[in-house]
C-alpha atoms as a PDB file:
ATOM      1  CA  UNK A   1       0.207   0.268  -0.232  1.00  0.00           C
ATOM      2  CA  UNK A   2       1.689   3.237  -1.049  1.00  0.00           C
ATOM      3  CA  UNK A   3       0.047   6.802   0.056  1.00  0.00           C
ATOM      4  CA  UNK A   4       0.989   9.523  -1.796  1.00  0.00           C
ATOM      5  CA  UNK A   5       0.884  12.281   0.269  1.00  0.00           C
ATOM      6  CA  UNK A   6       0.639  15.809  -1.846  1.00  0.00           C
ATOM      7  CA  UNK A   7      -1.311  15.499  -5.715  1.00  0.00           C
ATOM      8  CA  UNK A   8      -0.106  13.726  -8.255  1.00  0.00           C
ATOM      9  CA  UNK A   9       0.207  14.965 -11.998  1.00  0.00           C
ATOM     10  CA  UNK A  10       0.634  12.592 -14.414  1.00  0.00           C
ATOM     11  CA  UNK A  11       1.388  13.280 -18.106  1.00  0.00           C
ATOM     12  CA  UNK A  12       3.526  13.769 -21.138  1.00  0.00           C
ATOM     13  CA  UNK A  13       3.195  12.178 -25.133  1.00  0.00           C
ATOM     14  CA  UNK A  14       5.208   8.429 -24.795  1.00  0.00           C
ATOM     15  CA  UNK A  15       2.991   7.651 -21.668  1.00  0.00           C
ATOM     16  CA  UNK A  16       1.431   4.340 -23.218  1.00  0.00           C
ATOM     17  CA  UNK A  17       0.568   2.815 -19.913  1.00  0.00           C
ATOM     18  CA  UNK A  18       0.640   3.530 -16.640  1.00  0.00           C
ATOM     19  CA  UNK A  19       2.142   0.017 -15.393  1.00  0.00           C
ATOM     20  CA  UNK A  20       4.002   0.511 -12.294  1.00  0.00           C
ATOM     21  CA  UNK A  21       2.005   2.688 -10.055  1.00  0.00           C
ATOM     22  CA  UNK A  22       0.239  -0.101  -8.801  1.00  0.00           C
ATOM     23  CA  UNK A  23       1.270   0.002  -5.426  1.00  0.00           C
ATOM     24  CA  UNK A  24      -1.088   4.007  -5.363  1.00  0.00           C
ATOM     25  CA  UNK A  25      -4.248   3.212  -3.165  1.00  0.00           C
ATOM     26  CA  UNK A  26      -4.643   6.666  -2.109  1.00  0.00           C
ATOM     27  CA  UNK A  27      -3.708  10.734  -2.723  1.00  0.00           C
ATOM     28  CA  UNK A  28      -4.011  12.859  -0.034  1.00  0.00           C
ATOM     29  CA  UNK A  29      -4.398  16.105  -2.890  1.00  0.00           C
ATOM     30  CA  UNK A  30      -5.689  16.088  -6.624  1.00  0.00           C
ATOM     31  CA  UNK A  31      -4.592  13.618  -9.659  1.00  0.00           C
ATOM     32  CA  UNK A  32      -3.910  14.918 -13.008  1.00  0.00           C
ATOM     33  CA  UNK A  33      -3.380  12.754 -15.851  1.00  0.00           C
ATOM     34  CA  UNK A  34      -3.934  14.527 -18.445  1.00  0.00           C
ATOM     35  CA  UNK A  35      -1.958  15.698 -21.794  1.00  0.00           C
ATOM     36  CA  UNK A  36      -1.035  11.906 -23.215  1.00  0.00           C
ATOM     37  CA  UNK A  37      -2.473  11.393 -26.137  1.00  0.00           C
ATOM     38  CA  UNK A  38      -1.506   8.343 -26.437  1.00  0.00           C
ATOM     39  CA  UNK A  39      -2.333   7.049 -23.288  1.00  0.00           C
ATOM     40  CA  UNK A  40      -3.911   3.455 -24.132  1.00  0.00           C
ATOM     41  CA  UNK A  41      -4.908   2.537 -20.735  1.00  0.00           C
ATOM     42  CA  UNK A  42      -4.900   3.525 -16.753  1.00  0.00           C
ATOM     43  CA  UNK A  43      -4.096  -0.086 -16.206  1.00  0.00           C
ATOM     44  CA  UNK A  44      -1.834   0.616 -13.144  1.00  0.00           C
ATOM     45  CA  UNK A  45      -4.040   2.736 -11.011  1.00  0.00           C
ATOM     46  CA  UNK A  46      -5.799  -0.001 -10.631  1.00  0.00           C
ATOM     47  CA  UNK A  47      -5.258  -0.149  -6.735  1.00  0.00           C
ATOM     48  CA  UNK A  48      -6.178   2.792  -5.988  1.00  0.00           C
ATOM     49  CA  UNK A  49      -9.468   3.685  -3.867  1.00  0.00           C
ATOM     50  CA  UNK A  50      -9.216   7.515  -2.059  1.00  0.00           C
ATOM     51  CA  UNK A  51      -8.168  10.845  -4.522  1.00  0.00           C
ATOM     52  CA  UNK A  52      -8.783  12.815  -1.304  1.00  0.00           C
ATOM     53  CA  UNK A  53      -9.085  16.045  -3.616  1.00  0.00           C
ATOM     54  CA  UNK A  54     -10.584  16.371  -7.123  1.00  0.00           C
ATOM     55  CA  UNK A  55      -9.762  13.853 -10.603  1.00  0.00           C
ATOM     56  CA  UNK A  56      -8.781  15.475 -13.744  1.00  0.00           C
ATOM     57  CA  UNK A  57      -8.131  12.743 -16.443  1.00  0.00           C
ATOM     58  CA  UNK A  58      -8.074  14.829 -20.092  1.00  0.00           C
ATOM     59  CA  UNK A  59      -6.766  15.018 -23.218  1.00  0.00           C
ATOM     60  CA  UNK A  60      -5.927  11.236 -23.430  1.00  0.00           C
ATOM     61  CA  UNK A  61      -7.286  10.694 -26.701  1.00  0.00           C
ATOM     62  CA  UNK A  62      -6.419   6.671 -27.260  1.00  0.00           C
ATOM     63  CA  UNK A  63      -7.950   5.673 -24.148  1.00  0.00           C
ATOM     64  CA  UNK A  64     -10.912   3.987 -24.457  1.00  0.00           C
ATOM     65  CA  UNK A  65     -11.623   1.921 -21.070  1.00  0.00           C
ATOM     66  CA  UNK A  66     -11.928   3.633 -17.126  1.00  0.00           C
ATOM     67  CA  UNK A  67     -11.906   0.187 -15.746  1.00  0.00           C
ATOM     68  CA  UNK A  68      -8.340   0.405 -13.989  1.00  0.00           C
ATOM     69  CA  UNK A  69     -10.930   3.261 -11.630  1.00  0.00           C
ATOM     70  CA  UNK A  70     -13.123  -0.122 -10.528  1.00  0.00           C
ATOM     71  CA  UNK A  71     -11.533   0.438  -6.703  1.00  0.00           C
ATOM     72  CA  UNK A  72     -11.981   4.035  -6.650  1.00  0.00           C
ATOM     73  CA  UNK A  73     -14.637   4.442  -3.852  1.00  0.00           C
ATOM     74  CA  UNK A  74     -13.853   8.177  -3.136  1.00  0.00           C
ATOM     75  CA  UNK A  75     -13.396  11.514  -4.413  1.00  0.00           C
ATOM     76  CA  UNK A  76     -14.180  14.099  -2.014  1.00  0.00           C
ATOM     77  CA  UNK A  77     -14.330  17.217  -4.558  1.00  0.00           C
ATOM     78  CA  UNK A  78     -14.510  17.111  -7.978  1.00  0.00           C
ATOM     79  CA  UNK A  79     -14.184  14.616 -10.648  1.00  0.00           C
ATOM     80  CA  UNK A  80     -13.521  15.470 -14.517  1.00  0.00           C
ATOM     81  CA  UNK A  81     -13.653  12.822 -17.337  1.00  0.00           C
ATOM     82  CA  UNK A  82     -12.882  14.578 -20.692  1.00  0.00           C
ATOM     83  CA  UNK A  83     -11.213  12.894 -22.694  1.00  0.00           C
END
């Protein structure tokens, strides 16, 4: 279990996946996943259960599936998905 004590920004044209982030279960702040037009999946966030802030997903043009967020039970503020 990994608890991230700050906000998290994930972005980049070369990102194809979020593999390697599987240990993150909670973010104490905002989570942004944006400006990653080649990101195919959110797998890697599949153990994320809590975001104690807002969640923003934008400009993820190749993304077709949000099922990796299936364990997410809490977003304390806003959640915006505009792929």
